[in-house]
Amino acid sequence: MPGYSARPPAMATTLVDDQLTRVIRWDFEPGAATGHHTHGMDYVVVPLTDCHFLIEDESGERRVQVAAGESYRREAGISHNVINGGTSPMSFIEIEYK
């Protein structure tokens, strides 16, 4: 993976996991990462804080800023590592559709 380096892990807390959805709260200290993963389900992200994402994927690295409450949706198949590229802790809710 381009630009990959060992990073502290983000903290994932499962809030709901039933037959229809999985809801996970993600908390990141600065520099923390999810680790490279591929989404097997469609999902929605709801930032709880302003998020300064550093995304590592097959095309390299890119930075994306998303304001608290500015939700977005992605389809299954996305493959990436999500890193807190900012200087403050960040958190978001991820809702996956089964």
PDB file of N, CA and C in Angstrom:
ATOM      1  N   MET A   1       0.855  -1.181   0.000  1.00  0.00           N
ATOM      2  CA  MET A   1       0.000   0.000   0.000  1.00  0.00           C
ATOM      3  C   MET A   1       0.889   1.228   0.000  1.00  0.00           C
ATOM      4  N   PRO A   2       0.718   2.148  -0.926  1.00  0.00           N
ATOM      5  CA  PRO A   2       1.556   3.339  -0.991  1.00  0.00           C
ATOM      6  C   PRO A   2       1.464   4.159   0.281  1.00  0.00           C
ATOM      7  N   GLY A   3       2.602   4.612   0.792  1.00  0.00           N
ATOM      8  CA  GLY A   3       2.618   5.481   1.951  1.00  0.00           C
ATOM      9  C   GLY A   3       2.292   4.803   3.264  1.00  0.00           C
ATOM     10  N   TYR A   4       2.123   3.483   3.256  1.00  0.00           N
ATOM     11  CA  TYR A   4       1.735   2.795   4.483  1.00  0.00           C
ATOM     12  C   TYR A   4       2.859   2.796   5.492  1.00  0.00           C
ATOM     13  N   SER A   5       2.534   3.085   6.720  1.00  0.00           N
ATOM     14  CA  SER A   5       3.472   2.962   7.820  1.00  0.00           C
ATOM     15  C   SER A   5       2.686   2.559   9.058  1.00  0.00           C
ATOM     16  N   ALA A   6       3.384   1.992  10.038  1.00  0.00           N
ATOM     17  CA  ALA A   6       2.724   1.567  11.267  1.00  0.00           C
ATOM     18  C   ALA A   6       2.157   2.790  11.975  1.00  0.00           C
ATOM     19  N   ARG A   7       0.914   2.726  12.371  1.00  0.00           N
ATOM     20  CA  ARG A   7       0.236   3.820  13.054  1.00  0.00           C
ATOM     21  C   ARG A   7      -0.549   3.249  14.223  1.00  0.00           C
ATOM     22  N   PRO A   8      -0.804   4.058  15.256  1.00  0.00           N
ATOM     23  CA  PRO A   8      -1.647   3.561  16.354  1.00  0.00           C
ATOM     24  C   PRO A   8      -3.054   3.281  15.836  1.00  0.00           C
ATOM     25  N   PRO A   9      -3.726   2.306  16.406  1.00  0.00           N
ATOM     26  CA  PRO A   9      -5.069   1.965  15.904  1.00  0.00           C
ATOM     27  C   PRO A   9      -6.139   2.928  16.395  1.00  0.00           C
ATOM     28  N   ALA A  10      -7.115   3.197  15.526  1.00  0.00           N
ATOM     29  CA  ALA A  10      -8.326   3.907  15.924  1.00  0.00           C
ATOM     30  C   ALA A  10      -9.138   2.956  16.798  1.00  0.00           C
ATOM     31  N   MET A  11      -9.985   3.510  17.650  1.00  0.00           N
ATOM     32  CA  MET A  11     -10.823   2.695  18.532  1.00  0.00           C
ATOM     33  C   MET A  11     -12.207   2.538  17.922  1.00  0.00           C
ATOM     34  N   ALA A  12     -12.611   1.288  17.689  1.00  0.00           N
ATOM     35  CA  ALA A  12     -13.926   0.987  17.123  1.00  0.00           C
ATOM     36  C   ALA A  12     -14.831   0.439  18.228  1.00  0.00           C
ATOM     37  N   THR A  13     -16.006   1.036  18.388  1.00  0.00           N
ATOM     38  CA  THR A  13     -16.987   0.576  19.369  1.00  0.00           C
ATOM     39  C   THR A  13     -18.271   0.239  18.626  1.00  0.00           C
ATOM     40  N   THR A  14     -18.669  -1.039  18.646  1.00  0.00           N
ATOM     41  CA  THR A  14     -19.900  -1.454  17.985  1.00  0.00           C
ATOM     42  C   THR A  14     -21.087  -1.045  18.846  1.00  0.00           C
ATOM     43  N   LEU A  15     -21.986  -0.255  18.273  1.00  0.00           N
ATOM     44  CA  LEU A  15     -23.168   0.233  18.988  1.00  0.00           C
ATOM     45  C   LEU A  15     -24.406  -0.591  18.672  1.00  0.00           C
ATOM     46  N   VAL A  16     -24.518  -1.062  17.435  1.00  0.00           N
ATOM     47  CA  VAL A  16     -25.633  -1.904  16.986  1.00  0.00           C
ATOM     48  C   VAL A  16     -25.070  -2.909  16.000  1.00  0.00           C
ATOM     49  N   ASP A  17     -25.504  -4.150  16.112  1.00  0.00           N
ATOM     50  CA  ASP A  17     -25.139  -5.177  15.130  1.00  0.00           C
ATOM     51  C   ASP A  17     -26.269  -6.184  15.091  1.00  0.00           C
ATOM     52  N   ASP A  18     -27.230  -5.936  14.202  1.00  0.00           N
ATOM     53  CA  ASP A  18     -28.385  -6.827  14.086  1.00  0.00           C
ATOM     54  C   ASP A  18     -28.514  -7.323  12.648  1.00  0.00           C
ATOM     55  N   GLN A  19     -29.660  -7.883  12.305  1.00  0.00           N
ATOM     56  CA  GLN A  19     -29.835  -8.469  10.980  1.00  0.00           C
ATOM     57  C   GLN A  19     -29.894  -7.428   9.860  1.00  0.00           C
ATOM     58  N   LEU A  20     -30.124  -6.155  10.187  1.00  0.00           N
ATOM     59  CA  LEU A  20     -30.263  -5.121   9.166  1.00  0.00           C
ATOM     60  C   LEU A  20     -29.066  -4.169   9.065  1.00  0.00           C
ATOM     61  N   THR A  21     -28.481  -3.817  10.195  1.00  0.00           N
ATOM     62  CA  THR A  21     -27.418  -2.803  10.200  1.00  0.00           C
ATOM     63  C   THR A  21     -26.312  -3.132  11.201  1.00  0.00           C
ATOM     64  N   ARG A  22     -25.176  -2.511  10.951  1.00  0.00           N
ATOM     65  CA  ARG A  22     -24.078  -2.489  11.928  1.00  0.00           C
ATOM     66  C   ARG A  22     -23.709  -1.024  12.089  1.00  0.00           C
ATOM     67  N   VAL A  23     -23.694  -0.547  13.340  1.00  0.00           N
ATOM     68  CA  VAL A  23     -23.347   0.839  13.637  1.00  0.00           C
ATOM     69  C   VAL A  23     -22.098   0.815  14.511  1.00  0.00           C
ATOM     70  N   ILE A  24     -21.056   1.507  14.036  1.00  0.00           N
ATOM     71  CA  ILE A  24     -19.779   1.534  14.749  1.00  0.00           C
ATOM     72  C   ILE A  24     -19.387   2.982  14.990  1.00  0.00           C
ATOM     73  N   ARG A  25     -18.981   3.283  16.214  1.00  0.00           N
ATOM     74  CA  ARG A  25     -18.390   4.587  16.527  1.00  0.00           C
ATOM     75  C   ARG A  25     -16.881   4.435  16.421  1.00  0.00           C
ATOM     76  N   TRP A  26     -16.251   5.311  15.638  1.00  0.00           N
ATOM     77  CA  TRP A  26     -14.801   5.329  15.466  1.00  0.00           C
ATOM     78  C   TRP A  26     -14.229   6.560  16.146  1.00  0.00           C
ATOM     79  N   ASP A  27     -13.223   6.349  17.008  1.00  0.00           N
ATOM     80  CA  ASP A  27     -12.528   7.433  17.697  1.00  0.00           C
ATOM     81  C   ASP A  27     -11.048   7.354  17.361  1.00  0.00           C
ATOM     82  N   PHE A  28     -10.479   8.480  16.932  1.00  0.00           N
ATOM     83  CA  PHE A  28      -9.099   8.550  16.473  1.00  0.00           C
ATOM     84  C   PHE A  28      -8.333   9.624  17.239  1.00  0.00           C
ATOM     85  N   GLU A  29      -7.217   9.282  17.805  1.00  0.00           N
ATOM     86  CA  GLU A  29      -6.262  10.283  18.256  1.00  0.00           C
ATOM     87  C   GLU A  29      -5.517  10.760  17.015  1.00  0.00           C
ATOM     88  N   PRO A  30      -4.846  11.898  17.049  1.00  0.00           N
ATOM     89  CA  PRO A  30      -4.070  12.318  15.875  1.00  0.00           C
ATOM     90  C   PRO A  30      -3.100  11.216  15.427  1.00  0.00           C
ATOM     91  N   GLY A  31      -3.104  10.917  14.142  1.00  0.00           N
ATOM     92  CA  GLY A  31      -2.230   9.888  13.582  1.00  0.00           C
ATOM     93  C   GLY A  31      -2.778   8.477  13.641  1.00  0.00           C
ATOM     94  N   ALA A  32      -3.874   8.249  14.375  1.00  0.00           N
ATOM     95  CA  ALA A  32      -4.447   6.898  14.486  1.00  0.00           C
ATOM     96  C   ALA A  32      -5.112   6.500  13.171  1.00  0.00           C
ATOM     97  N   ALA A  33      -5.175   5.181  12.923  1.00  0.00           N
ATOM     98  CA  ALA A  33      -5.673   4.655  11.648  1.00  0.00           C
ATOM     99  C   ALA A  33      -6.562   3.438  11.858  1.00  0.00           C
ATOM    100  N   THR A  34      -7.451   3.219  10.882  1.00  0.00           N
ATOM    101  CA  THR A  34      -8.294   2.022  10.906  1.00  0.00           C
ATOM    102  C   THR A  34      -7.513   0.780  10.513  1.00  0.00           C
ATOM    103  N   GLY A  35      -6.438   0.967   9.740  1.00  0.00           N
ATOM    104  CA  GLY A  35      -5.775  -0.156   9.088  1.00  0.00           C
ATOM    105  C   GLY A  35      -6.462  -0.387   7.752  1.00  0.00           C
ATOM    106  N   HIS A  36      -5.730  -0.920   6.804  1.00  0.00           N
ATOM    107  CA  HIS A  36      -6.290  -1.129   5.466  1.00  0.00           C
ATOM    108  C   HIS A  36      -7.430  -2.144   5.542  1.00  0.00           C
ATOM    109  N   HIS A  37      -8.541  -1.816   4.889  1.00  0.00           N
ATOM    110  CA  HIS A  37      -9.719  -2.692   4.893  1.00  0.00           C
ATOM    111  C   HIS A  37     -10.553  -2.428   3.646  1.00  0.00           C
ATOM    112  N   THR A  38     -11.415  -3.391   3.330  1.00  0.00           N
ATOM    113  CA  THR A  38     -12.344  -3.265   2.209  1.00  0.00           C
ATOM    114  C   THR A  38     -13.761  -3.378   2.752  1.00  0.00           C
ATOM    115  N   HIS A  39     -14.607  -2.445   2.379  1.00  0.00           N
ATOM    116  CA  HIS A  39     -15.993  -2.444   2.849  1.00  0.00           C
ATOM    117  C   HIS A  39     -16.804  -3.471   2.073  1.00  0.00           C
ATOM    118  N   GLY A  40     -17.406  -4.397   2.794  1.00  0.00           N
ATOM    119  CA  GLY A  40     -18.226  -5.424   2.183  1.00  0.00           C
ATOM    120  C   GLY A  40     -19.684  -5.040   2.058  1.00  0.00           C
ATOM    121  N   MET A  41     -20.057  -3.878   2.629  1.00  0.00           N
ATOM    122  CA  MET A  41     -21.449  -3.428   2.611  1.00  0.00           C
ATOM    123  C   MET A  41     -21.487  -1.940   2.278  1.00  0.00           C
ATOM    124  N   ASP A  42     -22.617  -1.475   1.734  1.00  0.00           N
ATOM    125  CA  ASP A  42     -22.839  -0.041   1.579  1.00  0.00           C
ATOM    126  C   ASP A  42     -22.831   0.575   2.972  1.00  0.00           C
ATOM    127  N   TYR A  43     -22.428   1.859   3.055  1.00  0.00           N
ATOM    128  CA  TYR A  43     -22.357   2.487   4.367  1.00  0.00           C
ATOM    129  C   TYR A  43     -22.518   3.997   4.302  1.00  0.00           C
ATOM    130  N   VAL A  44     -22.854   4.564   5.459  1.00  0.00           N
ATOM    131  CA  VAL A  44     -22.982   6.001   5.651  1.00  0.00           C
ATOM    132  C   VAL A  44     -22.055   6.388   6.792  1.00  0.00           C
ATOM    133  N   VAL A  45     -21.372   7.533   6.644  1.00  0.00           N
ATOM    134  CA  VAL A  45     -20.513   8.072   7.701  1.00  0.00           C
ATOM    135  C   VAL A  45     -21.131   9.377   8.190  1.00  0.00           C
ATOM    136  N   VAL A  46     -21.241   9.511   9.521  1.00  0.00           N
ATOM    137  CA  VAL A  46     -21.756  10.716  10.156  1.00  0.00           C
ATOM    138  C   VAL A  46     -20.675  11.240  11.096  1.00  0.00           C
ATOM    139  N   PRO A  47     -19.935  12.277  10.699  1.00  0.00           N
ATOM    140  CA  PRO A  47     -18.891  12.827  11.564  1.00  0.00           C
ATOM    141  C   PRO A  47     -19.479  13.469  12.823  1.00  0.00           C
ATOM    142  N   LEU A  48     -18.919  13.118  13.968  1.00  0.00           N
ATOM    143  CA  LEU A  48     -19.320  13.725  15.236  1.00  0.00           C
ATOM    144  C   LEU A  48     -18.475  14.958  15.531  1.00  0.00           C
ATOM    145  N   THR A  49     -17.297  15.014  14.925  1.00  0.00           N
ATOM    146  CA  THR A  49     -16.383  16.146  15.047  1.00  0.00           C
ATOM    147  C   THR A  49     -15.970  16.548  13.634  1.00  0.00           C
ATOM    148  N   ASP A  50     -15.323  17.678  13.502  1.00  0.00           N
ATOM    149  CA  ASP A  50     -14.683  17.981  12.230  1.00  0.00           C
ATOM    150  C   ASP A  50     -13.624  16.908  12.008  1.00  0.00           C
ATOM    151  N   CYS A  51     -13.579  16.345  10.814  1.00  0.00           N
ATOM    152  CA  CYS A  51     -12.656  15.248  10.520  1.00  0.00           C
ATOM    153  C   CYS A  51     -11.654  15.674   9.450  1.00  0.00           C
ATOM    154  N   HIS A  52     -10.388  15.455   9.746  1.00  0.00           N
ATOM    155  CA  HIS A  52      -9.294  15.728   8.813  1.00  0.00           C
ATOM    156  C   HIS A  52      -8.743  14.376   8.384  1.00  0.00           C
ATOM    157  N   PHE A  53      -9.391  13.783   7.382  1.00  0.00           N
ATOM    158  CA  PHE A  53      -9.033  12.447   6.924  1.00  0.00           C
ATOM    159  C   PHE A  53      -7.777  12.477   6.053  1.00  0.00           C
ATOM    160  N   LEU A  54      -6.892  11.545   6.312  1.00  0.00           N
ATOM    161  CA  LEU A  54      -5.817  11.203   5.393  1.00  0.00           C
ATOM    162  C   LEU A  54      -6.173   9.814   4.896  1.00  0.00           C
ATOM    163  N   ILE A  55      -6.470   9.686   3.622  1.00  0.00           N
ATOM    164  CA  ILE A  55      -6.921   8.421   3.034  1.00  0.00           C
ATOM    165  C   ILE A  55      -5.772   7.808   2.249  1.00  0.00           C
ATOM    166  N   GLU A  56      -5.455   6.553   2.548  1.00  0.00           N
ATOM    167  CA  GLU A  56      -4.485   5.783   1.769  1.00  0.00           C
ATOM    168  C   GLU A  56      -5.271   4.733   0.992  1.00  0.00           C
ATOM    169  N   ASP A  57      -5.139   4.753  -0.336  1.00  0.00           N
ATOM    170  CA  ASP A  57      -5.799   3.746  -1.153  1.00  0.00           C
ATOM    171  C   ASP A  57      -4.921   3.414  -2.351  1.00  0.00           C
ATOM    172  N   GLU A  58      -5.477   2.676  -3.313  1.00  0.00           N
ATOM    173  CA  GLU A  58      -4.675   2.202  -4.440  1.00  0.00           C
ATOM    174  C   GLU A  58      -4.110   3.347  -5.283  1.00  0.00           C
ATOM    175  N   SER A  59      -4.684   4.542  -5.172  1.00  0.00           N
ATOM    176  CA  SER A  59      -4.186   5.682  -5.949  1.00  0.00           C
ATOM    177  C   SER A  59      -3.158   6.510  -5.184  1.00  0.00           C
ATOM    178  N   GLY A  60      -2.878   6.156  -3.930  1.00  0.00           N
ATOM    179  CA  GLY A  60      -1.909   6.894  -3.121  1.00  0.00           C
ATOM    180  C   GLY A  60      -2.567   7.487  -1.892  1.00  0.00           C
ATOM    181  N   GLU A  61      -2.152   8.710  -1.547  1.00  0.00           N
ATOM    182  CA  GLU A  61      -2.681   9.399  -0.373  1.00  0.00           C
ATOM    183  C   GLU A  61      -3.437  10.651  -0.817  1.00  0.00           C
ATOM    184  N   ARG A  62      -4.511  10.963  -0.065  1.00  0.00           N
ATOM    185  CA  ARG A  62      -5.224  12.218  -0.296  1.00  0.00           C
ATOM    186  C   ARG A  62      -5.827  12.677   1.021  1.00  0.00           C
ATOM    187  N   ARG A  63      -5.979  13.972   1.143  1.00  0.00           N
ATOM    188  CA  ARG A  63      -6.570  14.562   2.346  1.00  0.00           C
ATOM    189  C   ARG A  63      -7.980  15.040   2.028  1.00  0.00           C
ATOM    190  N   VAL A  64      -8.881  14.783   2.983  1.00  0.00           N
ATOM    191  CA  VAL A  64     -10.278  15.182   2.841  1.00  0.00           C
ATOM    192  C   VAL A  64     -10.723  15.746   4.187  1.00  0.00           C
ATOM    193  N   GLN A  65     -11.338  16.917   4.155  1.00  0.00           N
ATOM    194  CA  GLN A  65     -11.893  17.497   5.373  1.00  0.00           C
ATOM    195  C   GLN A  65     -13.403  17.443   5.302  1.00  0.00           C
ATOM    196  N   VAL A  66     -14.014  16.955   6.388  1.00  0.00           N
ATOM    197  CA  VAL A  66     -15.474  16.845   6.460  1.00  0.00           C
ATOM    198  C   VAL A  66     -15.901  17.455   7.791  1.00  0.00           C
ATOM    199  N   ALA A  67     -16.840  18.388   7.735  1.00  0.00           N
ATOM    200  CA  ALA A  67     -17.324  19.063   8.940  1.00  0.00           C
ATOM    201  C   ALA A  67     -18.217  18.144   9.760  1.00  0.00           C
ATOM    202  N   ALA A  68     -18.249  18.381  11.062  1.00  0.00           N
ATOM    203  CA  ALA A  68     -19.136  17.636  11.958  1.00  0.00           C
ATOM    204  C   ALA A  68     -20.561  17.693  11.422  1.00  0.00           C
ATOM    205  N   GLY A  69     -21.225  16.545  11.350  1.00  0.00           N
ATOM    206  CA  GLY A  69     -22.603  16.463  10.888  1.00  0.00           C
ATOM    207  C   GLY A  69     -22.777  16.389   9.386  1.00  0.00           C
ATOM    208  N   GLU A  70     -21.710  16.566   8.615  1.00  0.00           N
ATOM    209  CA  GLU A  70     -21.782  16.533   7.147  1.00  0.00           C
ATOM    210  C   GLU A  70     -21.660  15.080   6.677  1.00  0.00           C
ATOM    211  N   SER A  71     -22.772  14.389   6.598  1.00  0.00           N
ATOM    212  CA  SER A  71     -22.801  12.957   6.305  1.00  0.00           C
ATOM    213  C   SER A  71     -22.534  12.661   4.839  1.00  0.00           C
ATOM    214  N   TYR A  72     -22.043  11.439   4.581  1.00  0.00           N
ATOM    215  CA  TYR A  72     -21.866  10.984   3.204  1.00  0.00           C
ATOM    216  C   TYR A  72     -22.054   9.475   3.137  1.00  0.00           C
ATOM    217  N   ARG A  73     -22.343   8.981   1.918  1.00  0.00           N
ATOM    218  CA  ARG A  73     -22.617   7.563   1.684  1.00  0.00           C
ATOM    219  C   ARG A  73     -21.616   7.012   0.671  1.00  0.00           C
ATOM    220  N   ARG A  74     -21.230   5.745   0.870  1.00  0.00           N
ATOM    221  CA  ARG A  74     -20.347   5.055  -0.065  1.00  0.00           C
ATOM    222  C   ARG A  74     -20.907   3.652  -0.320  1.00  0.00           C
ATOM    223  N   GLU A  75     -20.563   3.108  -1.474  1.00  0.00           N
ATOM    224  CA  GLU A  75     -21.004   1.760  -1.823  1.00  0.00           C
ATOM    225  C   GLU A  75     -19.965   0.731  -1.404  1.00  0.00           C
ATOM    226  N   ALA A  76     -20.407  -0.496  -1.259  1.00  0.00           N
ATOM    227  CA  ALA A  76     -19.507  -1.605  -0.912  1.00  0.00           C
ATOM    228  C   ALA A  76     -18.374  -1.678  -1.924  1.00  0.00           C
ATOM    229  N   GLY A  77     -17.231  -2.179  -1.478  1.00  0.00           N
ATOM    230  CA  GLY A  77     -16.091  -2.371  -2.361  1.00  0.00           C
ATOM    231  C   GLY A  77     -14.982  -1.363  -2.154  1.00  0.00           C
ATOM    232  N   ILE A  78     -15.257  -0.274  -1.423  1.00  0.00           N
ATOM    233  CA  ILE A  78     -14.219   0.724  -1.139  1.00  0.00           C
ATOM    234  C   ILE A  78     -13.115   0.051  -0.331  1.00  0.00           C
ATOM    235  N   SER A  79     -11.869   0.265  -0.743  1.00  0.00           N
ATOM    236  CA  SER A  79     -10.711  -0.322  -0.076  1.00  0.00           C
ATOM    237  C   SER A  79      -9.741   0.797   0.284  1.00  0.00           C
ATOM    238  N   HIS A  80      -9.475   0.966   1.593  1.00  0.00           N
ATOM    239  CA  HIS A  80      -8.645   2.083   2.029  1.00  0.00           C
ATOM    240  C   HIS A  80      -8.164   1.925   3.466  1.00  0.00           C
ATOM    241  N   ASN A  81      -7.289   2.832   3.884  1.00  0.00           N
ATOM    242  CA  ASN A  81      -6.888   3.025   5.271  1.00  0.00           C
ATOM    243  C   ASN A  81      -7.281   4.452   5.600  1.00  0.00           C
ATOM    244  N   VAL A  82      -8.020   4.648   6.698  1.00  0.00           N
ATOM    245  CA  VAL A  82      -8.460   5.975   7.113  1.00  0.00           C
ATOM    246  C   VAL A  82      -7.621   6.395   8.310  1.00  0.00           C
ATOM    247  N   ILE A  83      -7.008   7.576   8.209  1.00  0.00           N
ATOM    248  CA  ILE A  83      -6.092   8.082   9.232  1.00  0.00           C
ATOM    249  C   ILE A  83      -6.568   9.456   9.677  1.00  0.00           C
ATOM    250  N   ASN A  84      -6.414   9.755  10.957  1.00  0.00           N
ATOM    251  CA  ASN A  84      -6.643  11.113  11.432  1.00  0.00           C
ATOM    252  C   ASN A  84      -5.427  11.931  11.038  1.00  0.00           C
ATOM    253  N   GLY A  85      -5.561  12.738   9.989  1.00  0.00           N
ATOM    254  CA  GLY A  85      -4.472  13.566   9.505  1.00  0.00           C
ATOM    255  C   GLY A  85      -4.415  14.926  10.164  1.00  0.00           C
ATOM    256  N   GLY A  86      -5.240  15.151  11.181  1.00  0.00           N
ATOM    257  CA  GLY A  86      -5.261  16.437  11.876  1.00  0.00           C
ATOM    258  C   GLY A  86      -4.488  16.401  13.175  1.00  0.00           C
ATOM    259  N   THR A  87      -4.623  17.472  13.941  1.00  0.00           N
ATOM    260  CA  THR A  87      -3.896  17.608  15.204  1.00  0.00           C
ATOM    261  C   THR A  87      -4.790  17.448  16.421  1.00  0.00           C
ATOM    262  N   SER A  88      -6.098  17.223  16.196  1.00  0.00           N
ATOM    263  CA  SER A  88      -7.062  17.035  17.284  1.00  0.00           C
ATOM    264  C   SER A  88      -7.716  15.669  17.141  1.00  0.00           C
ATOM    265  N   PRO A  89      -8.230  15.109  18.242  1.00  0.00           N
ATOM    266  CA  PRO A  89      -8.991  13.864  18.121  1.00  0.00           C
ATOM    267  C   PRO A  89     -10.190  14.058  17.195  1.00  0.00           C
ATOM    268  N   MET A  90     -10.591  12.977  16.534  1.00  0.00           N
ATOM    269  CA  MET A  90     -11.782  13.024  15.677  1.00  0.00           C
ATOM    270  C   MET A  90     -12.604  11.759  15.900  1.00  0.00           C
ATOM    271  N   SER A  91     -13.912  11.881  15.628  1.00  0.00           N
ATOM    272  CA  SER A  91     -14.834  10.757  15.813  1.00  0.00           C
ATOM    273  C   SER A  91     -15.916  10.798  14.746  1.00  0.00           C
ATOM    274  N   PHE A  92     -16.358   9.598  14.345  1.00  0.00           N
ATOM    275  CA  PHE A  92     -17.505   9.510  13.442  1.00  0.00           C
ATOM    276  C   PHE A  92     -18.257   8.223  13.703  1.00  0.00           C
ATOM    277  N   ILE A  93     -19.500   8.210  13.237  1.00  0.00           N
ATOM    278  CA  ILE A  93     -20.360   7.018  13.285  1.00  0.00           C
ATOM    279  C   ILE A  93     -20.402   6.450  11.868  1.00  0.00           C
ATOM    280  N   GLU A  94     -20.219   5.147  11.751  1.00  0.00           N
ATOM    281  CA  GLU A  94     -20.318   4.437  10.470  1.00  0.00           C
ATOM    282  C   GLU A  94     -21.510   3.503  10.552  1.00  0.00           C
ATOM    283  N   ILE A  95     -22.438   3.627   9.597  1.00  0.00           N
ATOM    284  CA  ILE A  95     -23.643   2.795   9.561  1.00  0.00           C
ATOM    285  C   ILE A  95     -23.563   1.932   8.315  1.00  0.00           C
ATOM    286  N   GLU A  96     -23.477   0.622   8.508  1.00  0.00           N
ATOM    287  CA  GLU A  96     -23.392  -0.322   7.383  1.00  0.00           C
ATOM    288  C   GLU A  96     -24.739  -1.012   7.209  1.00  0.00           C
ATOM    289  N   TYR A  97     -25.138  -1.172   5.929  1.00  0.00           N
ATOM    290  CA  TYR A  97     -26.391  -1.853   5.593  1.00  0.00           C
ATOM    291  C   TYR A  97     -26.111  -3.275   5.205  1.00  0.00           C
ATOM    292  N   LYS A  98     -26.708  -4.218   5.920  1.00  0.00           N
ATOM    293  CA  LYS A  98     -26.477  -5.638   5.623  1.00  0.00           C
ATOM    294  C   LYS A  98     -27.402  -6.116   4.526  1.00  0.00           C
TER     295      LYS A  98
END
